[in-house]
Amino acid sequence: MKNLFLQTRSFWSVTMCLLLLTFCLIGCEKEQITFEDPTVINAKN
């Protein structure tokens, strides 16, 4: 039972790391788009 708990915990930590990386990549891409394209910033204002 303890071994199963360790496996699920490591699985969750890996999943959370992947989710964080994905969110970081998406955020960086969005920032680059708004930074490079002034029309997007003007549309927001």
PDB file of N, CA and C in Angstrom:
ATOM      1  N   MET A   1       0.832  -1.207   0.000  1.00  0.00           N
ATOM      2  CA  MET A   1       0.000   0.000   0.000  1.00  0.00           C
ATOM      3  C   MET A   1       0.869   1.261   0.000  1.00  0.00           C
ATOM      4  N   LYS A   2       1.934   1.233   0.778  1.00  0.00           N
ATOM      5  CA  LYS A   2       2.822   2.392   0.818  1.00  0.00           C
ATOM      6  C   LYS A   2       3.486   2.607  -0.542  1.00  0.00           C
ATOM      7  N   ASN A   3       3.862   1.509  -1.214  1.00  0.00           N
ATOM      8  CA  ASN A   3       4.488   1.625  -2.528  1.00  0.00           C
ATOM      9  C   ASN A   3       3.527   2.268  -3.524  1.00  0.00           C
ATOM     10  N   LEU A   4       2.260   1.868  -3.466  1.00  0.00           N
ATOM     11  CA  LEU A   4       1.252   2.441  -4.356  1.00  0.00           C
ATOM     12  C   LEU A   4       1.101   3.940  -4.110  1.00  0.00           C
ATOM     13  N   PHE A   5       1.141   4.327  -2.844  1.00  0.00           N
ATOM     14  CA  PHE A   5       1.026   5.744  -2.494  1.00  0.00           C
ATOM     15  C   PHE A   5       2.196   6.540  -3.073  1.00  0.00           C
ATOM     16  N   LEU A   6       3.396   5.974  -2.985  1.00  0.00           N
ATOM     17  CA  LEU A   6       4.572   6.653  -3.525  1.00  0.00           C
ATOM     18  C   LEU A   6       4.464   6.791  -5.038  1.00  0.00           C
ATOM     19  N   GLN A   7       3.950   5.756  -5.695  1.00  0.00           N
ATOM     20  CA  GLN A   7       3.808   5.821  -7.151  1.00  0.00           C
ATOM     21  C   GLN A   7       2.806   6.896  -7.552  1.00  0.00           C
ATOM     22  N   THR A   8       1.664   6.956  -6.875  1.00  0.00           N
ATOM     23  CA  THR A   8       0.663   7.965  -7.227  1.00  0.00           C
ATOM     24  C   THR A   8       1.184   9.366  -6.930  1.00  0.00           C
ATOM     25  N   ARG A   9       1.935   9.511  -5.844  1.00  0.00           N
ATOM     26  CA  ARG A   9       2.465  10.833  -5.507  1.00  0.00           C
ATOM     27  C   ARG A   9       3.457  11.302  -6.569  1.00  0.00           C
ATOM     28  N   SER A  10       4.353  10.408  -7.003  1.00  0.00           N
ATOM     29  CA  SER A  10       5.318  10.792  -8.032  1.00  0.00           C
ATOM     30  C   SER A  10       4.596  11.072  -9.351  1.00  0.00           C
ATOM     31  N   PHE A  11       3.549  10.293  -9.647  1.00  0.00           N
ATOM     32  CA  PHE A  11       2.768  10.527 -10.866  1.00  0.00           C
ATOM     33  C   PHE A  11       2.131  11.913 -10.831  1.00  0.00           C
ATOM     34  N   TRP A  12       1.578  12.301  -9.683  1.00  0.00           N
ATOM     35  CA  TRP A  12       0.945  13.613  -9.570  1.00  0.00           C
ATOM     36  C   TRP A  12       1.974  14.731  -9.683  1.00  0.00           C
ATOM     37  N   SER A  13       3.142  14.537  -9.092  1.00  0.00           N
ATOM     38  CA  SER A  13       4.157  15.586  -9.174  1.00  0.00           C
ATOM     39  C   SER A  13       4.615  15.776 -10.619  1.00  0.00           C
ATOM     40  N   VAL A  14       4.756  14.678 -11.363  1.00  0.00           N
ATOM     41  CA  VAL A  14       5.142  14.778 -12.773  1.00  0.00           C
ATOM     42  C   VAL A  14       4.032  15.477 -13.559  1.00  0.00           C
ATOM     43  N   THR A  15       2.786  15.111 -13.280  1.00  0.00           N
ATOM     44  CA  THR A  15       1.658  15.736 -13.985  1.00  0.00           C
ATOM     45  C   THR A  15       1.612  17.233 -13.708  1.00  0.00           C
ATOM     46  N   MET A  16       1.810  17.616 -12.458  1.00  0.00           N
ATOM     47  CA  MET A  16       1.777  19.030 -12.106  1.00  0.00           C
ATOM     48  C   MET A  16       2.915  19.788 -12.781  1.00  0.00           C
ATOM     49  N   CYS A  17       4.099  19.171 -12.859  1.00  0.00           N
ATOM     50  CA  CYS A  17       5.234  19.814 -13.536  1.00  0.00           C
ATOM     51  C   CYS A  17       4.905  20.042 -15.008  1.00  0.00           C
ATOM     52  N   LEU A  18       4.315  19.025 -15.651  1.00  0.00           N
ATOM     53  CA  LEU A  18       3.956  19.158 -17.069  1.00  0.00           C
ATOM     54  C   LEU A  18       2.914  20.256 -17.254  1.00  0.00           C
ATOM     55  N   LEU A  19       1.938  20.317 -16.353  1.00  0.00           N
ATOM     56  CA  LEU A  19       0.909  21.356 -16.457  1.00  0.00           C
ATOM     57  C   LEU A  19       1.539  22.742 -16.307  1.00  0.00           C
ATOM     58  N   LEU A  20       2.437  22.889 -15.333  1.00  0.00           N
ATOM     59  CA  LEU A  20       3.084  24.178 -15.124  1.00  0.00           C
ATOM     60  C   LEU A  20       3.894  24.585 -16.350  1.00  0.00           C
ATOM     61  N   LEU A  21       4.623  23.623 -16.937  1.00  0.00           N
ATOM     62  CA  LEU A  21       5.407  23.923 -18.143  1.00  0.00           C
ATOM     63  C   LEU A  21       4.496  24.359 -19.274  1.00  0.00           C
ATOM     64  N   THR A  22       3.377  23.658 -19.424  1.00  0.00           N
ATOM     65  CA  THR A  22       2.437  24.013 -20.497  1.00  0.00           C
ATOM     66  C   THR A  22       1.902  25.423 -20.296  1.00  0.00           C
ATOM     67  N   PHE A  23       1.505  25.747 -19.056  1.00  0.00           N
ATOM     68  CA  PHE A  23       0.986  27.084 -18.780  1.00  0.00           C
ATOM     69  C   PHE A  23       2.052  28.147 -19.033  1.00  0.00           C
ATOM     70  N   CYS A  24       3.296  27.866 -18.664  1.00  0.00           N
ATOM     71  CA  CYS A  24       4.389  28.822 -18.888  1.00  0.00           C
ATOM     72  C   CYS A  24       4.591  29.055 -20.380  1.00  0.00           C
ATOM     73  N   LEU A  25       4.585  27.972 -21.161  1.00  0.00           N
ATOM     74  CA  LEU A  25       4.771  28.104 -22.610  1.00  0.00           C
ATOM     75  C   LEU A  25       3.645  28.913 -23.228  1.00  0.00           C
ATOM     76  N   ILE A  26       2.405  28.631 -22.826  1.00  0.00           N
ATOM     77  CA  ILE A  26       1.256  29.362 -23.372  1.00  0.00           C
ATOM     78  C   ILE A  26       1.362  30.840 -22.990  1.00  0.00           C
ATOM     79  N   GLY A  27       1.720  31.102 -21.742  1.00  0.00           N
ATOM     80  CA  GLY A  27       1.843  32.488 -21.290  1.00  0.00           C
ATOM     81  C   GLY A  27       2.935  33.231 -22.044  1.00  0.00           C
ATOM     82  N   CYS A  28       4.076  32.588 -22.274  1.00  0.00           N
ATOM     83  CA  CYS A  28       5.171  33.226 -23.005  1.00  0.00           C
ATOM     84  C   CYS A  28       4.749  33.521 -24.437  1.00  0.00           C
ATOM     85  N   GLU A  29       4.055  32.579 -25.072  1.00  0.00           N
ATOM     86  CA  GLU A  29       3.609  32.797 -26.449  1.00  0.00           C
ATOM     87  C   GLU A  29       2.637  33.970 -26.519  1.00  0.00           C
ATOM     88  N   LYS A  30       1.704  34.041 -25.574  1.00  0.00           N
ATOM     89  CA  LYS A  30       0.733  35.142 -25.572  1.00  0.00           C
ATOM     90  C   LYS A  30       1.445  36.472 -25.357  1.00  0.00           C
ATOM     91  N   GLU A  31       2.415  36.502 -24.456  1.00  0.00           N
ATOM     92  CA  GLU A  31       3.138  37.742 -24.193  1.00  0.00           C
ATOM     93  C   GLU A  31       3.920  38.181 -25.428  1.00  0.00           C
ATOM     94  N   GLN A  32       4.525  37.223 -26.129  1.00  0.00           N
ATOM     95  CA  GLN A  32       5.285  37.563 -27.333  1.00  0.00           C
ATOM     96  C   GLN A  32       4.363  38.125 -28.406  1.00  0.00           C
ATOM     97  N   ILE A  33       3.173  37.529 -28.550  1.00  0.00           N
ATOM     98  CA  ILE A  33       2.227  37.999 -29.566  1.00  0.00           C
ATOM     99  C   ILE A  33       1.804  39.434 -29.261  1.00  0.00           C
ATOM    100  N   THR A  34       1.432  39.711 -28.009  1.00  0.00           N
ATOM    101  CA  THR A  34       0.986  41.062 -27.654  1.00  0.00           C
ATOM    102  C   THR A  34       2.155  42.035 -27.720  1.00  0.00           C
ATOM    103  N   PHE A  35       3.369  41.564 -27.443  1.00  0.00           N
ATOM    104  CA  PHE A  35       4.528  42.449 -27.451  1.00  0.00           C
ATOM    105  C   PHE A  35       4.927  42.799 -28.889  1.00  0.00           C
ATOM    106  N   GLU A  36       4.835  41.839 -29.796  1.00  0.00           N
ATOM    107  CA  GLU A  36       5.277  42.073 -31.170  1.00  0.00           C
ATOM    108  C   GLU A  36       4.221  42.795 -32.005  1.00  0.00           C
ATOM    109  N   ASP A  37       2.934  42.548 -31.707  1.00  0.00           N
ATOM    110  CA  ASP A  37       1.871  43.083 -32.550  1.00  0.00           C
ATOM    111  C   ASP A  37       1.168  44.248 -31.845  1.00  0.00           C
ATOM    112  N   PRO A  38       1.430  45.484 -32.243  1.00  0.00           N
ATOM    113  CA  PRO A  38       0.802  46.630 -31.563  1.00  0.00           C
ATOM    114  C   PRO A  38      -0.694  46.704 -31.800  1.00  0.00           C
ATOM    115  N   THR A  39      -1.203  46.121 -32.895  1.00  0.00           N
ATOM    116  CA  THR A  39      -2.649  46.188 -33.165  1.00  0.00           C
ATOM    117  C   THR A  39      -3.432  45.442 -32.089  1.00  0.00           C
ATOM    118  N   VAL A  40      -2.837  44.367 -31.550  1.00  0.00           N
ATOM    119  CA  VAL A  40      -3.523  43.613 -30.502  1.00  0.00           C
ATOM    120  C   VAL A  40      -3.650  44.475 -29.253  1.00  0.00           C
ATOM    121  N   ILE A  41      -2.592  45.222 -28.913  1.00  0.00           N
ATOM    122  CA  ILE A  41      -2.622  46.079 -27.727  1.00  0.00           C
ATOM    123  C   ILE A  41      -3.629  47.210 -27.944  1.00  0.00           C
ATOM    124  N   ASN A  42      -3.666  47.777 -29.156  1.00  0.00           N
ATOM    125  CA  ASN A  42      -4.618  48.850 -29.449  1.00  0.00           C
ATOM    126  C   ASN A  42      -6.046  48.337 -29.381  1.00  0.00           C
ATOM    127  N   ALA A  43      -6.267  47.103 -29.810  1.00  0.00           N
ATOM    128  CA  ALA A  43      -7.613  46.539 -29.779  1.00  0.00           C
ATOM    129  C   ALA A  43      -8.085  46.377 -28.338  1.00  0.00           C
ATOM    130  N   LYS A  44      -7.156  46.032 -27.434  1.00  0.00           N
ATOM    131  CA  LYS A  44      -7.528  45.874 -26.028  1.00  0.00           C
ATOM    132  C   LYS A  44      -7.941  47.219 -25.434  1.00  0.00           C
ATOM    133  N   ASN A  45      -7.235  48.279 -25.796  1.00  0.00           N
ATOM    134  CA  ASN A  45      -7.561  49.606 -25.280  1.00  0.00           C
ATOM    135  C   ASN A  45      -8.706  50.180 -26.101  1.00  0.00           C
TER     136      ASN A  45
END
